[in-house]
Amino acid sequence: MPFVMELQPQGFVPAVRCDHCGNHVTAETGLILWSIDSPLAIGSAPVFIACDQDCADALTARYPESQFAVIALDAYLVTLVEDSLEIDADAVREREELAWTIEHTRDEVDQVLD
């Protein structure tokens, strides 16, 4: 699964891994690939994530009978978040900061009461 949670010093953070080599994928070089040969009956196609053009080429070479379309990872994510899912990033950040503050305050109160 290319979308993973990685443990960093600040805690678990989302990350993206390449479907070909397993390396970290950046927004600047990452690519999303999908087969344009998928039957119309299913109405969607699974995607592959590649860390760069070399890995994208290696992924498509695994399926020589298929034709693939490609979009940059950052463009895919912006379209997914803002257009398809209609997520307001600022509202989500505010909600998560508030949830963290509430949890942190609750932990502090528990420590004082112990």
C-alpha atoms as a PDB file:
ATOM      1  CA  MET A   1       0.000   0.000   0.000  1.00  0.00           C
ATOM      2  CA  PRO A   2       1.671   3.221  -1.108  1.00  0.00           C
ATOM      3  CA  PHE A   3      -0.042   5.490   1.444  1.00  0.00           C
ATOM      4  CA  VAL A   4       1.429   4.730   4.847  1.00  0.00           C
ATOM      5  CA  MET A   5       1.887   6.241   8.311  1.00  0.00           C
ATOM      6  CA  GLU A   6       5.549   6.620   9.272  1.00  0.00           C
ATOM      7  CA  LEU A   7       6.861   7.107  12.790  1.00  0.00           C
ATOM      8  CA  GLN A   8       8.863  10.338  12.955  1.00  0.00           C
ATOM      9  CA  PRO A   9      10.195  12.143  16.053  1.00  0.00           C
ATOM     10  CA  GLN A  10       6.996  14.248  16.179  1.00  0.00           C
ATOM     11  CA  GLY A  11       4.778  11.140  15.951  1.00  0.00           C
ATOM     12  CA  PHE A  12       3.097   9.293  13.104  1.00  0.00           C
ATOM     13  CA  VAL A  13       2.881  11.261   9.864  1.00  0.00           C
ATOM     14  CA  PRO A  14       1.420  10.339   6.482  1.00  0.00           C
ATOM     15  CA  ALA A  15       3.844   9.345   3.761  1.00  0.00           C
ATOM     16  CA  VAL A  16       3.760   7.895   0.261  1.00  0.00           C
ATOM     17  CA  ARG A  17       5.828   4.933  -0.963  1.00  0.00           C
ATOM     18  CA  CYS A  18       6.587   3.917  -4.532  1.00  0.00           C
ATOM     19  CA  ASP A  19       4.755   0.837  -5.832  1.00  0.00           C
ATOM     20  CA  HIS A  20       7.884  -0.206  -7.717  1.00  0.00           C
ATOM     21  CA  CYS A  21      10.887   0.371  -5.436  1.00  0.00           C
ATOM     22  CA  GLY A  22       9.234   1.128  -2.082  1.00  0.00           C
ATOM     23  CA  ASN A  23      11.133   4.405  -1.659  1.00  0.00           C
ATOM     24  CA  HIS A  24       9.663   7.654  -0.342  1.00  0.00           C
ATOM     25  CA  VAL A  25       7.680   9.609  -2.944  1.00  0.00           C
ATOM     26  CA  THR A  26       7.815  13.393  -3.070  1.00  0.00           C
ATOM     27  CA  ALA A  27       5.146  15.689  -4.424  1.00  0.00           C
ATOM     28  CA  GLU A  28       7.657  17.180  -6.846  1.00  0.00           C
ATOM     29  CA  THR A  29       8.667  13.947  -8.589  1.00  0.00           C
ATOM     30  CA  GLY A  30       5.838  11.549  -7.713  1.00  0.00           C
ATOM     31  CA  LEU A  31       3.552  10.238 -10.428  1.00  0.00           C
ATOM     32  CA  ILE A  32       0.144   8.561 -10.424  1.00  0.00           C
ATOM     33  CA  LEU A  33      -0.457   5.978 -13.169  1.00  0.00           C
ATOM     34  CA  TRP A  34      -3.609   4.118 -14.120  1.00  0.00           C
ATOM     35  CA  SER A  35      -4.613   1.815 -16.917  1.00  0.00           C
ATOM     36  CA  ILE A  36      -6.833   3.376 -19.539  1.00  0.00           C
ATOM     37  CA  ASP A  37      -7.731  -0.144 -20.679  1.00  0.00           C
ATOM     38  CA  SER A  38      -9.979  -0.827 -17.685  1.00  0.00           C
ATOM     39  CA  PRO A  39     -13.407  -2.047 -18.652  1.00  0.00           C
ATOM     40  CA  LEU A  40     -16.034   0.664 -18.627  1.00  0.00           C
ATOM     41  CA  ALA A  41     -18.241  -1.623 -16.552  1.00  0.00           C
ATOM     42  CA  ILE A  42     -16.181  -1.104 -13.392  1.00  0.00           C
ATOM     43  CA  GLY A  43     -16.265   2.683 -13.728  1.00  0.00           C
ATOM     44  CA  SER A  44     -12.861   3.200 -12.103  1.00  0.00           C
ATOM     45  CA  ALA A  45      -9.280   2.038 -12.283  1.00  0.00           C
ATOM     46  CA  PRO A  46      -6.782   1.364  -9.503  1.00  0.00           C
ATOM     47  CA  VAL A  47      -3.739   3.623  -9.439  1.00  0.00           C
ATOM     48  CA  PHE A  48      -0.034   2.996  -9.071  1.00  0.00           C
ATOM     49  CA  ILE A  49       2.297   5.480  -7.424  1.00  0.00           C
ATOM     50  CA  ALA A  50       5.837   5.949  -8.704  1.00  0.00           C
ATOM     51  CA  CYS A  51       8.588   8.026  -7.121  1.00  0.00           C
ATOM     52  CA  ASP A  52       9.965   9.161 -10.499  1.00  0.00           C
ATOM     53  CA  GLN A  53       9.812   8.549 -14.221  1.00  0.00           C
ATOM     54  CA  ASP A  54      12.202   5.569 -14.071  1.00  0.00           C
ATOM     55  CA  CYS A  55       9.941   3.729 -11.622  1.00  0.00           C
ATOM     56  CA  ALA A  56       6.874   4.707 -13.643  1.00  0.00           C
ATOM     57  CA  ASP A  57       8.496   3.151 -16.713  1.00  0.00           C
ATOM     58  CA  ALA A  58       9.324   0.003 -14.724  1.00  0.00           C
ATOM     59  CA  LEU A  59       5.728  -0.267 -13.474  1.00  0.00           C
ATOM     60  CA  THR A  60       4.235   0.079 -16.936  1.00  0.00           C
ATOM     61  CA  ALA A  61       6.753  -2.465 -18.283  1.00  0.00           C
ATOM     62  CA  ARG A  62       5.149  -5.062 -15.986  1.00  0.00           C
ATOM     63  CA  TYR A  63       1.939  -4.726 -18.011  1.00  0.00           C
ATOM     64  CA  PRO A  64       3.019  -4.483 -21.667  1.00  0.00           C
ATOM     65  CA  GLU A  65      -0.513  -5.244 -22.834  1.00  0.00           C
ATOM     66  CA  SER A  66      -1.919  -2.149 -21.083  1.00  0.00           C
ATOM     67  CA  GLN A  67      -1.858   1.544 -21.859  1.00  0.00           C
ATOM     68  CA  PHE A  68      -1.367   3.922 -18.951  1.00  0.00           C
ATOM     69  CA  ALA A  69      -2.211   7.543 -18.280  1.00  0.00           C
ATOM     70  CA  VAL A  70      -0.051   9.605 -15.919  1.00  0.00           C
ATOM     71  CA  ILE A  71      -0.604  12.663 -13.735  1.00  0.00           C
ATOM     72  CA  ALA A  72       1.775  14.348 -11.311  1.00  0.00           C
ATOM     73  CA  LEU A  73       1.203  13.317  -7.682  1.00  0.00           C
ATOM     74  CA  ASP A  74       0.704  16.891  -6.488  1.00  0.00           C
ATOM     75  CA  ALA A  75      -1.924  17.564  -9.183  1.00  0.00           C
ATOM     76  CA  TYR A  76      -3.706  14.299  -8.324  1.00  0.00           C
ATOM     77  CA  LEU A  77      -3.799  15.121  -4.604  1.00  0.00           C
ATOM     78  CA  VAL A  78      -4.989  18.705  -5.078  1.00  0.00           C
ATOM     79  CA  THR A  79      -7.761  17.531  -7.398  1.00  0.00           C
ATOM     80  CA  LEU A  80      -8.711  14.741  -4.991  1.00  0.00           C
ATOM     81  CA  VAL A  81      -8.747  16.920  -1.888  1.00  0.00           C
ATOM     82  CA  GLU A  82     -10.190  20.154  -3.226  1.00  0.00           C
ATOM     83  CA  ASP A  83     -12.439  19.035  -6.066  1.00  0.00           C
ATOM     84  CA  SER A  84     -13.507  15.429  -5.535  1.00  0.00           C
ATOM     85  CA  LEU A  85     -13.674  15.330  -1.734  1.00  0.00           C
ATOM     86  CA  GLU A  86     -14.265  19.078  -1.244  1.00  0.00           C
ATOM     87  CA  ILE A  87     -12.027  19.205   1.825  1.00  0.00           C
ATOM     88  CA  ASP A  88     -11.331  22.605   3.370  1.00  0.00           C
ATOM     89  CA  ALA A  89      -7.718  22.160   4.481  1.00  0.00           C
ATOM     90  CA  ASP A  90      -7.782  25.142   6.866  1.00  0.00           C
ATOM     91  CA  ALA A  91     -10.930  23.876   8.601  1.00  0.00           C
ATOM     92  CA  VAL A  92      -9.404  20.413   8.976  1.00  0.00           C
ATOM     93  CA  ARG A  93      -6.217  21.860  10.488  1.00  0.00           C
ATOM     94  CA  GLU A  94      -8.252  23.947  12.954  1.00  0.00           C
ATOM     95  CA  ARG A  95     -10.322  20.910  13.957  1.00  0.00           C
ATOM     96  CA  GLU A  96      -7.228  18.755  14.472  1.00  0.00           C
ATOM     97  CA  GLU A  97      -5.442  21.461  16.478  1.00  0.00           C
ATOM     98  CA  LEU A  98      -8.504  21.814  18.708  1.00  0.00           C
ATOM     99  CA  ALA A  99      -8.731  18.036  19.174  1.00  0.00           C
ATOM    100  CA  TRP A 100      -5.019  17.901  20.077  1.00  0.00           C
ATOM    101  CA  THR A 101      -5.435  20.782  22.554  1.00  0.00           C
ATOM    102  CA  ILE A 102      -8.412  19.097  24.202  1.00  0.00           C
ATOM    103  CA  GLU A 103      -6.571  15.771  24.479  1.00  0.00           C
ATOM    104  CA  HIS A 104      -3.399  17.443  25.767  1.00  0.00           C
ATOM    105  CA  THR A 105      -5.396  19.399  28.363  1.00  0.00           C
ATOM    106  CA  ARG A 106      -7.202  16.225  29.453  1.00  0.00           C
ATOM    107  CA  ASP A 107      -3.828  14.475  29.914  1.00  0.00           C
ATOM    108  CA  GLU A 108      -2.530  17.378  32.003  1.00  0.00           C
ATOM    109  CA  VAL A 109      -5.638  17.316  34.212  1.00  0.00           C
ATOM    110  CA  ASP A 110      -5.271  13.543  34.694  1.00  0.00           C
ATOM    111  CA  GLN A 111      -1.628  14.034  35.745  1.00  0.00           C
ATOM    112  CA  VAL A 112      -2.575  16.697  38.292  1.00  0.00           C
ATOM    113  CA  LEU A 113      -5.323  14.492  39.720  1.00  0.00           C
ATOM    114  CA  ASP A 114      -3.011  11.486  40.065  1.00  0.00           C
END
